[in-house]
Amino acid sequence: GGTLKLNLAEDLEPIWADRFHLTNLLHSLL
């Protein structure tokens, strides 16, 4: 019964990162 609100800026350039661990990082925080 909750909400998840996204505020994403447009036209941001890609970042240099490890996709797998960045995905796990987002999952952990959320």
PDB file of all heavy atoms in Angstrom:
ATOM      1  N   GLY A   1       0.793  -1.225   0.000  1.00  0.00           N
ATOM      2  CA  GLY A   1       0.000   0.000   0.000  1.00  0.00           C
ATOM      3  C   GLY A   1       0.818   1.264   0.000  1.00  0.00           C
ATOM      4  O   GLY A   1       0.305   2.324   0.382  1.00  0.00           O
ATOM      5  N   GLY A   2       2.093   1.194  -0.427  1.00  0.00           N
ATOM      6  CA  GLY A   2       2.968   2.352  -0.417  1.00  0.00           C
ATOM      7  C   GLY A   2       3.121   2.980  -1.783  1.00  0.00           C
ATOM      8  O   GLY A   2       2.440   2.627  -2.752  1.00  0.00           O
ATOM      9  N   THR A   3       4.052   3.914  -1.875  1.00  0.00           N
ATOM     10  CA  THR A   3       4.311   4.624  -3.123  1.00  0.00           C
ATOM     11  C   THR A   3       5.812   4.701  -3.364  1.00  0.00           C
ATOM     12  O   THR A   3       6.604   4.759  -2.424  1.00  0.00           O
ATOM     13  CB  THR A   3       3.746   6.054  -3.085  1.00  0.00           C
ATOM     14  OG1 THR A   3       4.336   6.767  -1.978  1.00  0.00           O
ATOM     15  CG2 THR A   3       2.234   6.028  -2.927  1.00  0.00           C
ATOM     16  N   LEU A   4       6.172   4.699  -4.626  1.00  0.00           N
ATOM     17  CA  LEU A   4       7.560   4.863  -5.051  1.00  0.00           C
ATOM     18  C   LEU A   4       7.595   5.970  -6.086  1.00  0.00           C
ATOM     19  O   LEU A   4       7.088   5.811  -7.205  1.00  0.00           O
ATOM     20  CB  LEU A   4       8.120   3.564  -5.628  1.00  0.00           C
ATOM     21  CG  LEU A   4       9.535   3.631  -6.206  1.00  0.00           C
ATOM     22  CD1 LEU A   4      10.538   4.094  -5.166  1.00  0.00           C
ATOM     23  CD2 LEU A   4       9.953   2.281  -6.781  1.00  0.00           C
ATOM     24  N   LYS A   5       8.171   7.090  -5.725  1.00  0.00           N
ATOM     25  CA  LYS A   5       8.194   8.264  -6.598  1.00  0.00           C
ATOM     26  C   LYS A   5       9.597   8.435  -7.171  1.00  0.00           C
ATOM     27  O   LYS A   5      10.587   8.395  -6.437  1.00  0.00           O
ATOM     28  CB  LYS A   5       7.788   9.504  -5.804  1.00  0.00           C
ATOM     29  CG  LYS A   5       7.722  10.773  -6.643  1.00  0.00           C
ATOM     30  CD  LYS A   5       7.291  11.961  -5.790  1.00  0.00           C
ATOM     31  CE  LYS A   5       7.260  13.232  -6.628  1.00  0.00           C
ATOM     32  NZ  LYS A   5       6.868  14.419  -5.808  1.00  0.00           N
ATOM     33  N   LEU A   6       9.668   8.629  -8.487  1.00  0.00           N
ATOM     34  CA  LEU A   6      10.941   8.827  -9.171  1.00  0.00           C
ATOM     35  C   LEU A   6      11.044  10.247  -9.680  1.00  0.00           C
ATOM     36  O   LEU A   6      10.126  10.752 -10.340  1.00  0.00           O
ATOM     37  CB  LEU A   6      11.088   7.850 -10.339  1.00  0.00           C
ATOM     38  CG  LEU A   6      11.023   6.352 -10.012  1.00  0.00           C
ATOM     39  CD1 LEU A   6      11.202   5.533 -11.281  1.00  0.00           C
ATOM     40  CD2 LEU A   6      12.075   5.968  -8.983  1.00  0.00           C
ATOM     41  N   ASN A   7      12.151  10.907  -9.386  1.00  0.00           N
ATOM     42  CA  ASN A   7      12.457  12.244  -9.910  1.00  0.00           C
ATOM     43  C   ASN A   7      13.781  12.147 -10.651  1.00  0.00           C
ATOM     44  O   ASN A   7      14.852  12.286 -10.057  1.00  0.00           O
ATOM     45  CB  ASN A   7      12.545  13.268  -8.766  1.00  0.00           C
ATOM     46  CG  ASN A   7      11.265  13.378  -7.972  1.00  0.00           C
ATOM     47  OD1 ASN A   7      10.184  13.414  -8.558  1.00  0.00           O
ATOM     48  ND2 ASN A   7      11.367  13.419  -6.645  1.00  0.00           N
ATOM     49  N   LEU A   8      13.707  11.870 -11.945  1.00  0.00           N
ATOM     50  CA  LEU A   8      14.903  11.626 -12.742  1.00  0.00           C
ATOM     51  C   LEU A   8      15.126  12.778 -13.710  1.00  0.00           C
ATOM     52  O   LEU A   8      14.236  13.129 -14.486  1.00  0.00           O
ATOM     53  CB  LEU A   8      14.772  10.313 -13.527  1.00  0.00           C
ATOM     54  CG  LEU A   8      14.449   9.053 -12.702  1.00  0.00           C
ATOM     55  CD1 LEU A   8      14.355   7.843 -13.613  1.00  0.00           C
ATOM     56  CD2 LEU A   8      15.479   8.836 -11.611  1.00  0.00           C
ATOM     57  N   ALA A   9      16.316  13.357 -13.615  1.00  0.00           N
ATOM     58  CA  ALA A   9      16.657  14.420 -14.560  1.00  0.00           C
ATOM     59  C   ALA A   9      16.838  13.835 -15.953  1.00  0.00           C
ATOM     60  O   ALA A   9      17.256  12.679 -16.113  1.00  0.00           O
ATOM     61  CB  ALA A   9      17.936  15.122 -14.098  1.00  0.00           C
ATOM     62  N   GLU A  10      16.522  14.606 -16.936  1.00  0.00           N
ATOM     63  CA  GLU A  10      16.611  14.129 -18.325  1.00  0.00           C
ATOM     64  C   GLU A  10      17.978  14.455 -18.912  1.00  0.00           C
ATOM     65  O   GLU A  10      18.687  15.358 -18.465  1.00  0.00           O
ATOM     66  CB  GLU A  10      15.508  14.768 -19.167  1.00  0.00           C
ATOM     67  CG  GLU A  10      14.100  14.405 -18.707  1.00  0.00           C
ATOM     68  CD  GLU A  10      13.040  15.053 -19.583  1.00  0.00           C
ATOM     69  OE1 GLU A  10      13.404  15.845 -20.463  1.00  0.00           O
ATOM     70  OE2 GLU A  10      11.849  14.774 -19.334  1.00  0.00           O
ATOM     71  N   ASP A  11      18.309  13.688 -19.942  1.00  0.00           N
ATOM     72  CA  ASP A  11      19.518  13.933 -20.738  1.00  0.00           C
ATOM     73  C   ASP A  11      20.796  13.899 -19.889  1.00  0.00           C
ATOM     74  O   ASP A  11      21.739  14.673 -20.106  1.00  0.00           O
ATOM     75  CB  ASP A  11      19.424  15.278 -21.469  1.00  0.00           C
ATOM     76  CG  ASP A  11      18.238  15.335 -22.417  1.00  0.00           C
ATOM     77  OD1 ASP A  11      17.877  14.272 -22.953  1.00  0.00           O
ATOM     78  OD2 ASP A  11      17.674  16.425 -22.589  1.00  0.00           O
ATOM     79  N   LEU A  12      20.858  12.977 -18.929  1.00  0.00           N
ATOM     80  CA  LEU A  12      22.098  12.791 -18.181  1.00  0.00           C
ATOM     81  C   LEU A  12      23.027  11.855 -18.937  1.00  0.00           C
ATOM     82  O   LEU A  12      22.589  10.852 -19.516  1.00  0.00           O
ATOM     83  CB  LEU A  12      21.804  12.207 -16.794  1.00  0.00           C
ATOM     84  CG  LEU A  12      21.142  13.132 -15.775  1.00  0.00           C
ATOM     85  CD1 LEU A  12      20.896  12.381 -14.474  1.00  0.00           C
ATOM     86  CD2 LEU A  12      22.004  14.357 -15.498  1.00  0.00           C
ATOM     87  N   GLU A  13      24.284  12.173 -18.921  1.00  0.00           N
ATOM     88  CA  GLU A  13      25.260  11.331 -19.616  1.00  0.00           C
ATOM     89  C   GLU A  13      25.459  10.020 -18.860  1.00  0.00           C
ATOM     90  O   GLU A  13      25.274   9.960 -17.645  1.00  0.00           O
ATOM     91  CB  GLU A  13      26.598  12.069 -19.726  1.00  0.00           C
ATOM     92  CG  GLU A  13      26.524  13.348 -20.548  1.00  0.00           C
ATOM     93  CD  GLU A  13      27.865  14.048 -20.586  1.00  0.00           C
ATOM     94  OE1 GLU A  13      28.814  13.541 -19.939  1.00  0.00           O
ATOM     95  OE2 GLU A  13      27.966  15.101 -21.239  1.00  0.00           O
ATOM     96  N   PRO A  14      25.851   8.949 -19.543  1.00  0.00           N
ATOM     97  CA  PRO A  14      26.130   7.675 -18.862  1.00  0.00           C
ATOM     98  C   PRO A  14      27.272   7.824 -17.860  1.00  0.00           C
ATOM     99  O   PRO A  14      28.122   8.714 -17.972  1.00  0.00           O
ATOM    100  CB  PRO A  14      26.501   6.732 -20.006  1.00  0.00           C
ATOM    101  CG  PRO A  14      25.906   7.350 -21.224  1.00  0.00           C
ATOM    102  CD  PRO A  14      25.960   8.834 -21.016  1.00  0.00           C
ATOM    103  N   ILE A  15      27.299   6.944 -16.877  1.00  0.00           N
ATOM    104  CA  ILE A  15      28.363   6.950 -15.863  1.00  0.00           C
ATOM    105  C   ILE A  15      29.231   5.716 -16.048  1.00  0.00           C
ATOM    106  O   ILE A  15      28.802   4.709 -16.629  1.00  0.00           O
ATOM    107  CB  ILE A  15      27.781   6.993 -14.436  1.00  0.00           C
ATOM    108  CG1 ILE A  15      26.952   5.732 -14.161  1.00  0.00           C
ATOM    109  CG2 ILE A  15      26.948   8.241 -14.223  1.00  0.00           C
ATOM    110  CD1 ILE A  15      26.514   5.586 -12.735  1.00  0.00           C
ATOM    111  N   TRP A  16      30.444   5.799 -15.540  1.00  0.00           N
ATOM    112  CA  TRP A  16      31.409   4.701 -15.644  1.00  0.00           C
ATOM    113  C   TRP A  16      31.291   3.850 -14.377  1.00  0.00           C
ATOM    114  O   TRP A  16      31.694   4.259 -13.293  1.00  0.00           O
ATOM    115  CB  TRP A  16      32.807   5.274 -15.788  1.00  0.00           C
ATOM    116  CG  TRP A  16      33.897   4.263 -16.023  1.00  0.00           C
ATOM    117  CD1 TRP A  16      34.861   3.894 -15.146  1.00  0.00           C
ATOM    118  CD2 TRP A  16      34.135   3.501 -17.206  1.00  0.00           C
ATOM    119  NE1 TRP A  16      35.697   2.962 -15.683  1.00  0.00           N
ATOM    120  CE2 TRP A  16      35.277   2.693 -16.979  1.00  0.00           C
ATOM    121  CE3 TRP A  16      33.513   3.425 -18.443  1.00  0.00           C
ATOM    122  CZ2 TRP A  16      35.793   1.830 -17.912  1.00  0.00           C
ATOM    123  CZ3 TRP A  16      34.033   2.561 -19.390  1.00  0.00           C
ATOM    124  CH2 TRP A  16      35.159   1.770 -19.126  1.00  0.00           C
ATOM    125  N   ALA A  17      30.707   2.649 -14.508  1.00  0.00           N
ATOM    126  CA  ALA A  17      30.422   1.840 -13.320  1.00  0.00           C
ATOM    127  C   ALA A  17      30.310   0.375 -13.691  1.00  0.00           C
ATOM    128  O   ALA A  17      30.219   0.009 -14.866  1.00  0.00           O
ATOM    129  CB  ALA A  17      29.128   2.316 -12.643  1.00  0.00           C
ATOM    130  N   ASP A  18      30.289  -0.460 -12.667  1.00  0.00           N
ATOM    131  CA  ASP A  18      30.039  -1.888 -12.816  1.00  0.00           C
ATOM    132  C   ASP A  18      28.528  -2.096 -12.741  1.00  0.00           C
ATOM    133  O   ASP A  18      27.910  -1.870 -11.694  1.00  0.00           O
ATOM    134  CB  ASP A  18      30.749  -2.656 -11.685  1.00  0.00           C
ATOM    135  CG  ASP A  18      30.645  -4.161 -11.842  1.00  0.00           C
ATOM    136  OD1 ASP A  18      29.500  -4.663 -11.935  1.00  0.00           O
ATOM    137  OD2 ASP A  18      31.688  -4.836 -11.831  1.00  0.00           O
ATOM    138  N   ARG A  19      27.932  -2.520 -13.841  1.00  0.00           N
ATOM    139  CA  ARG A  19      26.475  -2.615 -13.910  1.00  0.00           C
ATOM    140  C   ARG A  19      25.923  -3.592 -12.868  1.00  0.00           C
ATOM    141  O   ARG A  19      24.903  -3.310 -12.221  1.00  0.00           O
ATOM    142  CB  ARG A  19      26.062  -3.062 -15.321  1.00  0.00           C
ATOM    143  CG  ARG A  19      24.541  -3.181 -15.506  1.00  0.00           C
ATOM    144  CD  ARG A  19      24.215  -3.687 -16.893  1.00  0.00           C
ATOM    145  NE  ARG A  19      24.620  -2.712 -17.904  1.00  0.00           N
ATOM    146  CZ  ARG A  19      23.834  -1.701 -18.309  1.00  0.00           C
ATOM    147  NH1 ARG A  19      22.624  -1.552 -17.788  1.00  0.00           N
ATOM    148  NH2 ARG A  19      24.265  -0.863 -19.211  1.00  0.00           N
ATOM    149  N   PHE A  20      26.579  -4.725 -12.723  1.00  0.00           N
ATOM    150  CA  PHE A  20      26.073  -5.747 -11.808  1.00  0.00           C
ATOM    151  C   PHE A  20      26.026  -5.230 -10.371  1.00  0.00           C
ATOM    152  O   PHE A  20      25.010  -5.332  -9.678  1.00  0.00           O
ATOM    153  CB  PHE A  20      26.950  -6.998 -11.899  1.00  0.00           C
ATOM    154  CG  PHE A  20      26.618  -8.053 -10.882  1.00  0.00           C
ATOM    155  CD1 PHE A  20      25.507  -8.871 -11.035  1.00  0.00           C
ATOM    156  CD2 PHE A  20      27.422  -8.233  -9.746  1.00  0.00           C
ATOM    157  CE1 PHE A  20      25.197  -9.839 -10.081  1.00  0.00           C
ATOM    158  CE2 PHE A  20      27.118  -9.191  -8.805  1.00  0.00           C
ATOM    159  CZ  PHE A  20      25.998  -9.994  -8.980  1.00  0.00           C
ATOM    160  N   HIS A  21      27.139  -4.660  -9.907  1.00  0.00           N
ATOM    161  CA  HIS A  21      27.188  -4.194  -8.526  1.00  0.00           C
ATOM    162  C   HIS A  21      26.354  -2.937  -8.322  1.00  0.00           C
ATOM    163  O   HIS A  21      25.806  -2.745  -7.220  1.00  0.00           O
ATOM    164  CB  HIS A  21      28.639  -3.947  -8.109  1.00  0.00           C
ATOM    165  CG  HIS A  21      29.442  -5.202  -7.982  1.00  0.00           C
ATOM    166  ND1 HIS A  21      29.178  -6.154  -7.030  1.00  0.00           N
ATOM    167  CD2 HIS A  21      30.497  -5.671  -8.710  1.00  0.00           C
ATOM    168  CE1 HIS A  21      30.044  -7.154  -7.157  1.00  0.00           C
ATOM    169  NE2 HIS A  21      30.849  -6.884  -8.169  1.00  0.00           N
ATOM    170  N   LEU A  22      26.256  -2.096  -9.331  1.00  0.00           N
ATOM    171  CA  LEU A  22      25.384  -0.933  -9.214  1.00  0.00           C
ATOM    172  C   LEU A  22      23.928  -1.369  -9.089  1.00  0.00           C
ATOM    173  O   LEU A  22      23.149  -0.788  -8.320  1.00  0.00           O
ATOM    174  CB  LEU A  22      25.577  -0.015 -10.423  1.00  0.00           C
ATOM    175  CG  LEU A  22      24.732   1.266 -10.447  1.00  0.00           C
ATOM    176  CD1 LEU A  22      24.933   2.083  -9.161  1.00  0.00           C
ATOM    177  CD2 LEU A  22      25.071   2.104 -11.666  1.00  0.00           C
ATOM    178  N   THR A  23      23.548  -2.405  -9.828  1.00  0.00           N
ATOM    179  CA  THR A  23      22.188  -2.946  -9.703  1.00  0.00           C
ATOM    180  C   THR A  23      21.949  -3.480  -8.299  1.00  0.00           C
ATOM    181  O   THR A  23      20.903  -3.211  -7.683  1.00  0.00           O
ATOM    182  CB  THR A  23      21.975  -4.069 -10.737  1.00  0.00           C
ATOM    183  OG1 THR A  23      22.207  -3.561 -12.051  1.00  0.00           O
ATOM    184  CG2 THR A  23      20.567  -4.614 -10.648  1.00  0.00           C
ATOM    185  N   ASN A  24      22.907  -4.237  -7.758  1.00  0.00           N
ATOM    186  CA  ASN A  24      22.764  -4.745  -6.397  1.00  0.00           C
ATOM    187  C   ASN A  24      22.708  -3.612  -5.372  1.00  0.00           C
ATOM    188  O   ASN A  24      21.982  -3.691  -4.368  1.00  0.00           O
ATOM    189  CB  ASN A  24      23.922  -5.678  -6.058  1.00  0.00           C
ATOM    190  CG  ASN A  24      23.828  -7.005  -6.770  1.00  0.00           C
ATOM    191  OD1 ASN A  24      22.761  -7.389  -7.245  1.00  0.00           O
ATOM    192  ND2 ASN A  24      24.947  -7.706  -6.871  1.00  0.00           N
ATOM    193  N   LEU A  25      23.472  -2.554  -5.613  1.00  0.00           N
ATOM    194  CA  LEU A  25      23.462  -1.401  -4.720  1.00  0.00           C
ATOM    195  C   LEU A  25      22.067  -0.781  -4.659  1.00  0.00           C
ATOM    196  O   LEU A  25      21.545  -0.493  -3.572  1.00  0.00           O
ATOM    197  CB  LEU A  25      24.500  -0.379  -5.193  1.00  0.00           C
ATOM    198  CG  LEU A  25      24.666   0.916  -4.391  1.00  0.00           C
ATOM    199  CD1 LEU A  25      26.112   1.382  -4.466  1.00  0.00           C
ATOM    200  CD2 LEU A  25      23.768   2.025  -4.943  1.00  0.00           C
ATOM    201  N   LEU A  26      21.455  -0.570  -5.819  1.00  0.00           N
ATOM    202  CA  LEU A  26      20.107   0.000  -5.854  1.00  0.00           C
ATOM    203  C   LEU A  26      19.104  -0.923  -5.173  1.00  0.00           C
ATOM    204  O   LEU A  26      18.233  -0.468  -4.413  1.00  0.00           O
ATOM    205  CB  LEU A  26      19.696   0.263  -7.306  1.00  0.00           C
ATOM    206  CG  LEU A  26      20.479   1.369  -8.028  1.00  0.00           C
ATOM    207  CD1 LEU A  26      20.132   1.372  -9.513  1.00  0.00           C
ATOM    208  CD2 LEU A  26      20.172   2.722  -7.419  1.00  0.00           C
ATOM    209  N   HIS A  27      19.209  -2.218  -5.441  1.00  0.00           N
ATOM    210  CA  HIS A  27      18.299  -3.172  -4.799  1.00  0.00           C
ATOM    211  C   HIS A  27      18.459  -3.142  -3.275  1.00  0.00           C
ATOM    212  O   HIS A  27      17.451  -3.191  -2.543  1.00  0.00           O
ATOM    213  CB  HIS A  27      18.568  -4.589  -5.321  1.00  0.00           C
ATOM    214  CG  HIS A  27      17.817  -4.912  -6.577  1.00  0.00           C
ATOM    215  ND1 HIS A  27      16.451  -5.014  -6.628  1.00  0.00           N
ATOM    216  CD2 HIS A  27      18.270  -5.171  -7.844  1.00  0.00           C
ATOM    217  CE1 HIS A  27      16.067  -5.309  -7.867  1.00  0.00           C
ATOM    218  NE2 HIS A  27      17.150  -5.417  -8.623  1.00  0.00           N
ATOM    219  N   SER A  28      19.697  -3.046  -2.789  1.00  0.00           N
ATOM    220  CA  SER A  28      19.938  -3.042  -1.348  1.00  0.00           C
ATOM    221  C   SER A  28      19.325  -1.813  -0.691  1.00  0.00           C
ATOM    222  O   SER A  28      18.663  -1.911   0.353  1.00  0.00           O
ATOM    223  CB  SER A  28      21.435  -3.100  -1.057  1.00  0.00           C
ATOM    224  OG  SER A  28      21.993  -4.316  -1.462  1.00  0.00           O
ATOM    225  N   LEU A  29      19.531  -0.656  -1.289  1.00  0.00           N
ATOM    226  CA  LEU A  29      19.003   0.577  -0.701  1.00  0.00           C
ATOM    227  C   LEU A  29      17.474   0.600  -0.733  1.00  0.00           C
ATOM    228  O   LEU A  29      16.823   0.987   0.245  1.00  0.00           O
ATOM    229  CB  LEU A  29      19.575   1.795  -1.431  1.00  0.00           C
ATOM    230  CG  LEU A  29      21.081   2.031  -1.249  1.00  0.00           C
ATOM    231  CD1 LEU A  29      21.532   3.234  -2.075  1.00  0.00           C
ATOM    232  CD2 LEU A  29      21.423   2.258   0.212  1.00  0.00           C
ATOM    233  N   LEU A  30      16.903   0.194  -1.851  1.00  0.00           N
ATOM    234  CA  LEU A  30      15.441   0.167  -1.939  1.00  0.00           C
ATOM    235  C   LEU A  30      14.852  -0.910  -1.040  1.00  0.00           C
ATOM    236  O   LEU A  30      13.779  -0.726  -0.442  1.00  0.00           O
ATOM    237  CB  LEU A  30      15.014  -0.056  -3.397  1.00  0.00           C
ATOM    238  CG  LEU A  30      15.328   1.107  -4.351  1.00  0.00           C
ATOM    239  CD1 LEU A  30      15.077   0.695  -5.799  1.00  0.00           C
ATOM    240  CD2 LEU A  30      14.489   2.329  -3.998  1.00  0.00           C
TER     241      LEU A  30
END
